[in-house]
């Protein structure tokens, strides 16, 4: 079972049911990954989503990634990807997958620039961040392709169009 905890700063309030959106997006990401079986295991898999602002994400990006700028989403895994299959052996029946944090201003600007609904872009970024928690990455073309396919499949289950369709047409 997946349990998603959400914390939202004031910029995010009253705009959307972010708790439900984050839970659905995280579940879709895991379900579209090679770790889909985690959703049917007998323990509680926890994932934390924080909806924050550019200032906080900038600080975290600088501290943890050495990049002195805000970014749309950061992920902080709590379980090494090669240990995900051993989660059935948790001591207390719970496992914290990790944390995903989004920056409001950057996410809002990206959605506007791409002319897509803000909620759809946020869903995509929660999916993206959740996949990072599962060990997916985009450091090379092969990894990026695998991650993008998982994202496309997860978003399709949420009724969200392929965010990479335009890129594919331009290749």
C-alpha atoms as a PDB file:
ATOM      1  CA  UNK A   1       0.000   0.000   0.000  1.00  0.00           C
ATOM      2  CA  UNK A   2       1.234   3.495  -0.822  1.00  0.00           C
ATOM      3  CA  UNK A   3       0.792   6.329   1.631  1.00  0.00           C
ATOM      4  CA  UNK A   4       1.571   9.809   0.310  1.00  0.00           C
ATOM      5  CA  UNK A   5       2.069  12.672   2.738  1.00  0.00           C
ATOM      6  CA  UNK A   6       1.784  16.216   1.422  1.00  0.00           C
ATOM      7  CA  UNK A   7       2.914  19.545   2.807  1.00  0.00           C
ATOM      8  CA  UNK A   8       2.130  22.697   0.828  1.00  0.00           C
ATOM      9  CA  UNK A   9       3.336  26.257   1.355  1.00  0.00           C
ATOM     10  CA  UNK A  10       0.914  29.170   1.077  1.00  0.00           C
ATOM     11  CA  UNK A  11       1.459  29.730  -2.672  1.00  0.00           C
ATOM     12  CA  UNK A  12      -0.117  26.364  -3.370  1.00  0.00           C
ATOM     13  CA  UNK A  13      -3.146  26.646  -1.082  1.00  0.00           C
ATOM     14  CA  UNK A  14      -6.729  26.701  -2.344  1.00  0.00           C
ATOM     15  CA  UNK A  15      -5.749  26.087  -5.955  1.00  0.00           C
ATOM     16  CA  UNK A  16      -6.192  22.331  -6.284  1.00  0.00           C
ATOM     17  CA  UNK A  17      -6.629  19.150  -4.268  1.00  0.00           C
ATOM     18  CA  UNK A  18      -2.874  18.671  -4.199  1.00  0.00           C
ATOM     19  CA  UNK A  19      -3.025  15.788  -1.722  1.00  0.00           C
ATOM     20  CA  UNK A  20      -5.128  13.662  -4.080  1.00  0.00           C
ATOM     21  CA  UNK A  21      -3.149  14.772  -7.136  1.00  0.00           C
ATOM     22  CA  UNK A  22       0.186  13.862  -5.514  1.00  0.00           C
ATOM     23  CA  UNK A  23      -1.113  10.477  -4.311  1.00  0.00           C
ATOM     24  CA  UNK A  24      -2.497   9.594  -7.741  1.00  0.00           C
ATOM     25  CA  UNK A  25       0.683  10.730  -9.539  1.00  0.00           C
ATOM     26  CA  UNK A  26       3.013   8.848  -7.181  1.00  0.00           C
ATOM     27  CA  UNK A  27       0.910   5.682  -7.464  1.00  0.00           C
ATOM     28  CA  UNK A  28       0.865   5.991 -11.268  1.00  0.00           C
ATOM     29  CA  UNK A  29       4.650   6.403 -11.331  1.00  0.00           C
ATOM     30  CA  UNK A  30       5.276   3.324  -9.221  1.00  0.00           C
ATOM     31  CA  UNK A  31       2.697   1.355 -11.199  1.00  0.00           C
ATOM     32  CA  UNK A  32       4.390   2.239 -14.493  1.00  0.00           C
ATOM     33  CA  UNK A  33       7.856   1.342 -13.200  1.00  0.00           C
ATOM     34  CA  UNK A  34       9.700  -1.936 -12.940  1.00  0.00           C
ATOM     35  CA  UNK A  35       8.837  -1.812  -9.220  1.00  0.00           C
ATOM     36  CA  UNK A  36       5.043  -1.926  -9.660  1.00  0.00           C
ATOM     37  CA  UNK A  37       4.865  -4.908  -7.318  1.00  0.00           C
ATOM     38  CA  UNK A  38       5.681  -2.566  -4.404  1.00  0.00           C
ATOM     39  CA  UNK A  39       2.065  -1.385  -4.546  1.00  0.00           C
ATOM     40  CA  UNK A  40       0.738  -4.852  -3.706  1.00  0.00           C
ATOM     41  CA  UNK A  41       3.174  -5.782  -0.967  1.00  0.00           C
ATOM     42  CA  UNK A  42       2.010  -6.253   2.624  1.00  0.00           C
ATOM     43  CA  UNK A  43       3.761  -3.184   4.043  1.00  0.00           C
ATOM     44  CA  UNK A  44       3.090   0.547   3.850  1.00  0.00           C
ATOM     45  CA  UNK A  45       5.308   2.368   1.385  1.00  0.00           C
ATOM     46  CA  UNK A  46       5.521   6.045   2.330  1.00  0.00           C
ATOM     47  CA  UNK A  47       6.378   8.942   0.069  1.00  0.00           C
ATOM     48  CA  UNK A  48       6.521  12.603   1.081  1.00  0.00           C
ATOM     49  CA  UNK A  49       5.689  15.438  -1.315  1.00  0.00           C
ATOM     50  CA  UNK A  50       6.453  19.029  -0.388  1.00  0.00           C
ATOM     51  CA  UNK A  51       5.060  21.848  -2.483  1.00  0.00           C
ATOM     52  CA  UNK A  52       7.394  24.724  -1.776  1.00  0.00           C
ATOM     53  CA  UNK A  53       8.860  27.772  -3.489  1.00  0.00           C
ATOM     54  CA  UNK A  54      11.877  28.731  -5.572  1.00  0.00           C
ATOM     55  CA  UNK A  55      13.794  30.039  -2.561  1.00  0.00           C
ATOM     56  CA  UNK A  56      13.732  26.761  -0.640  1.00  0.00           C
ATOM     57  CA  UNK A  57      14.352  24.612  -3.700  1.00  0.00           C
ATOM     58  CA  UNK A  58      17.221  26.916  -4.718  1.00  0.00           C
ATOM     59  CA  UNK A  59      18.841  26.400  -1.294  1.00  0.00           C
ATOM     60  CA  UNK A  60      18.406  22.619  -1.484  1.00  0.00           C
ATOM     61  CA  UNK A  61      19.657  22.481  -5.079  1.00  0.00           C
ATOM     62  CA  UNK A  62      22.774  24.422  -4.097  1.00  0.00           C
ATOM     63  CA  UNK A  63      23.417  22.394  -0.947  1.00  0.00           C
ATOM     64  CA  UNK A  64      22.825  18.916  -2.380  1.00  0.00           C
ATOM     65  CA  UNK A  65      23.540  19.224  -6.089  1.00  0.00           C
ATOM     66  CA  UNK A  66      25.973  22.147  -6.218  1.00  0.00           C
ATOM     67  CA  UNK A  67      23.652  24.045  -8.584  1.00  0.00           C
ATOM     68  CA  UNK A  68      23.101  27.669  -7.564  1.00  0.00           C
ATOM     69  CA  UNK A  69      19.584  28.073  -8.965  1.00  0.00           C
ATOM     70  CA  UNK A  70      16.069  26.837  -8.382  1.00  0.00           C
ATOM     71  CA  UNK A  71      14.771  23.852 -10.306  1.00  0.00           C
ATOM     72  CA  UNK A  72      11.287  22.439 -10.815  1.00  0.00           C
ATOM     73  CA  UNK A  73      11.601  19.229  -8.761  1.00  0.00           C
ATOM     74  CA  UNK A  74      14.115  17.583  -6.467  1.00  0.00           C
ATOM     75  CA  UNK A  75      14.017  14.038  -5.150  1.00  0.00           C
ATOM     76  CA  UNK A  76      15.671  12.664  -2.045  1.00  0.00           C
ATOM     77  CA  UNK A  77      15.563   8.851  -1.996  1.00  0.00           C
ATOM     78  CA  UNK A  78      15.694   7.097   1.373  1.00  0.00           C
ATOM     79  CA  UNK A  79      16.226   3.600  -0.031  1.00  0.00           C
ATOM     80  CA  UNK A  80      19.002   2.560  -2.367  1.00  0.00           C
ATOM     81  CA  UNK A  81      17.478   1.314  -5.649  1.00  0.00           C
ATOM     82  CA  UNK A  82      19.223  -2.064  -5.358  1.00  0.00           C
ATOM     83  CA  UNK A  83      17.505  -2.604  -1.980  1.00  0.00           C
ATOM     84  CA  UNK A  84      13.948  -1.926  -3.169  1.00  0.00           C
ATOM     85  CA  UNK A  85      13.288  -5.630  -3.748  1.00  0.00           C
ATOM     86  CA  UNK A  86      14.197  -6.439  -0.127  1.00  0.00           C
ATOM     87  CA  UNK A  87      11.484  -4.203   1.334  1.00  0.00           C
ATOM     88  CA  UNK A  88       9.282  -7.137   2.295  1.00  0.00           C
ATOM     89  CA  UNK A  89      11.624  -7.576   5.252  1.00  0.00           C
ATOM     90  CA  UNK A  90      10.834  -4.234   6.932  1.00  0.00           C
ATOM     91  CA  UNK A  91      10.878  -4.388  10.733  1.00  0.00           C
ATOM     92  CA  UNK A  92       7.805  -2.269  11.379  1.00  0.00           C
ATOM     93  CA  UNK A  93       5.747  -2.827   8.239  1.00  0.00           C
ATOM     94  CA  UNK A  94       6.611   0.607   6.836  1.00  0.00           C
ATOM     95  CA  UNK A  95       9.245   1.891   4.452  1.00  0.00           C
ATOM     96  CA  UNK A  96       9.953   5.520   3.575  1.00  0.00           C
ATOM     97  CA  UNK A  97      10.691   5.683  -0.143  1.00  0.00           C
ATOM     98  CA  UNK A  98      11.792   9.320   0.018  1.00  0.00           C
ATOM     99  CA  UNK A  99      10.890  12.954  -0.502  1.00  0.00           C
ATOM    100  CA  UNK A 100       9.891  14.945  -3.572  1.00  0.00           C
ATOM    101  CA  UNK A 101       9.901  18.752  -3.463  1.00  0.00           C
ATOM    102  CA  UNK A 102       8.551  21.150  -6.096  1.00  0.00           C
ATOM    103  CA  UNK A 103       9.173  24.888  -6.571  1.00  0.00           C
ATOM    104  CA  UNK A 104       5.978  26.851  -7.202  1.00  0.00           C
ATOM    105  CA  UNK A 105       7.346  29.725  -9.288  1.00  0.00           C
ATOM    106  CA  UNK A 106       9.458  27.510 -11.547  1.00  0.00           C
ATOM    107  CA  UNK A 107       6.625  24.998 -12.047  1.00  0.00           C
ATOM    108  CA  UNK A 108       4.136  27.766 -12.775  1.00  0.00           C
ATOM    109  CA  UNK A 109       6.463  29.447 -15.307  1.00  0.00           C
ATOM    110  CA  UNK A 110       7.194  26.145 -17.073  1.00  0.00           C
ATOM    111  CA  UNK A 111       3.506  25.261 -17.369  1.00  0.00           C
ATOM    112  CA  UNK A 112       2.776  28.710 -18.773  1.00  0.00           C
ATOM    113  CA  UNK A 113       5.679  28.560 -21.250  1.00  0.00           C
ATOM    114  CA  UNK A 114       4.575  25.107 -22.447  1.00  0.00           C
ATOM    115  CA  UNK A 115       0.946  26.191 -22.531  1.00  0.00           C
ATOM    116  CA  UNK A 116      -0.195  23.236 -20.432  1.00  0.00           C
ATOM    117  CA  UNK A 117      -2.457  23.063 -17.414  1.00  0.00           C
ATOM    118  CA  UNK A 118      -0.595  23.717 -14.174  1.00  0.00           C
ATOM    119  CA  UNK A 119      -2.131  20.636 -12.508  1.00  0.00           C
ATOM    120  CA  UNK A 120      -0.947  18.436 -15.414  1.00  0.00           C
ATOM    121  CA  UNK A 121       2.585  19.810 -15.168  1.00  0.00           C
ATOM    122  CA  UNK A 122       2.630  19.275 -11.401  1.00  0.00           C
ATOM    123  CA  UNK A 123       1.377  15.711 -11.920  1.00  0.00           C
ATOM    124  CA  UNK A 124       4.192  15.128 -14.407  1.00  0.00           C
ATOM    125  CA  UNK A 125       6.781  16.465 -11.968  1.00  0.00           C
ATOM    126  CA  UNK A 126       5.489  14.304  -9.101  1.00  0.00           C
ATOM    127  CA  UNK A 127       5.675  11.295 -11.442  1.00  0.00           C
ATOM    128  CA  UNK A 128       9.194  12.334 -12.483  1.00  0.00           C
ATOM    129  CA  UNK A 129      10.332  12.844  -8.900  1.00  0.00           C
ATOM    130  CA  UNK A 130       8.788   9.561  -7.765  1.00  0.00           C
ATOM    131  CA  UNK A 131      10.632   7.686 -10.505  1.00  0.00           C
ATOM    132  CA  UNK A 132      13.897   9.220  -9.279  1.00  0.00           C
ATOM    133  CA  UNK A 133      13.108   7.748  -5.845  1.00  0.00           C
ATOM    134  CA  UNK A 134      12.909   4.343  -7.540  1.00  0.00           C
ATOM    135  CA  UNK A 135      16.356   4.751  -9.095  1.00  0.00           C
ATOM    136  CA  UNK A 136      15.367   6.020 -12.525  1.00  0.00           C
ATOM    137  CA  UNK A 137      17.528   8.754 -14.008  1.00  0.00           C
ATOM    138  CA  UNK A 138      18.242  10.609 -17.229  1.00  0.00           C
ATOM    139  CA  UNK A 139      22.019  10.881 -17.167  1.00  0.00           C
ATOM    140  CA  UNK A 140      22.393   9.198 -20.552  1.00  0.00           C
ATOM    141  CA  UNK A 141      20.180   8.547 -23.558  1.00  0.00           C
ATOM    142  CA  UNK A 142      19.258   4.974 -22.604  1.00  0.00           C
ATOM    143  CA  UNK A 143      18.333   5.878 -19.005  1.00  0.00           C
ATOM    144  CA  UNK A 144      16.432   8.940 -20.216  1.00  0.00           C
ATOM    145  CA  UNK A 145      14.457   6.828 -22.683  1.00  0.00           C
ATOM    146  CA  UNK A 146      13.476   4.309 -19.993  1.00  0.00           C
ATOM    147  CA  UNK A 147      12.454   7.069 -17.602  1.00  0.00           C
ATOM    148  CA  UNK A 148      10.483   8.956 -20.257  1.00  0.00           C
ATOM    149  CA  UNK A 149       8.587   5.776 -21.209  1.00  0.00           C
ATOM    150  CA  UNK A 150       7.626   5.233 -17.568  1.00  0.00           C
ATOM    151  CA  UNK A 151       6.519   8.871 -17.332  1.00  0.00           C
ATOM    152  CA  UNK A 152       4.452   8.644 -20.519  1.00  0.00           C
ATOM    153  CA  UNK A 153       2.752   5.438 -19.326  1.00  0.00           C
ATOM    154  CA  UNK A 154       2.092   6.811 -15.836  1.00  0.00           C
ATOM    155  CA  UNK A 155       0.671  10.068 -17.186  1.00  0.00           C
ATOM    156  CA  UNK A 156      -1.544   8.183 -19.642  1.00  0.00           C
ATOM    157  CA  UNK A 157      -3.205   6.410 -16.691  1.00  0.00           C
ATOM    158  CA  UNK A 158      -3.961   9.878 -15.311  1.00  0.00           C
ATOM    159  CA  UNK A 159      -5.409  11.095 -18.608  1.00  0.00           C
ATOM    160  CA  UNK A 160      -2.460  13.427 -19.277  1.00  0.00           C
ATOM    161  CA  UNK A 161      -0.953  13.739 -22.745  1.00  0.00           C
ATOM    162  CA  UNK A 162       2.593  12.692 -23.555  1.00  0.00           C
ATOM    163  CA  UNK A 163       4.786  15.646 -22.498  1.00  0.00           C
ATOM    164  CA  UNK A 164       7.532  14.480 -24.868  1.00  0.00           C
ATOM    165  CA  UNK A 165       5.407  14.208 -28.023  1.00  0.00           C
ATOM    166  CA  UNK A 166       6.669  17.487 -29.514  1.00  0.00           C
ATOM    167  CA  UNK A 167      10.299  16.519 -28.846  1.00  0.00           C
ATOM    168  CA  UNK A 168       9.784  13.177 -30.608  1.00  0.00           C
ATOM    169  CA  UNK A 169       8.418  14.943 -33.691  1.00  0.00           C
ATOM    170  CA  UNK A 170      11.486  17.187 -33.835  1.00  0.00           C
ATOM    171  CA  UNK A 171      14.008  14.316 -33.676  1.00  0.00           C
END
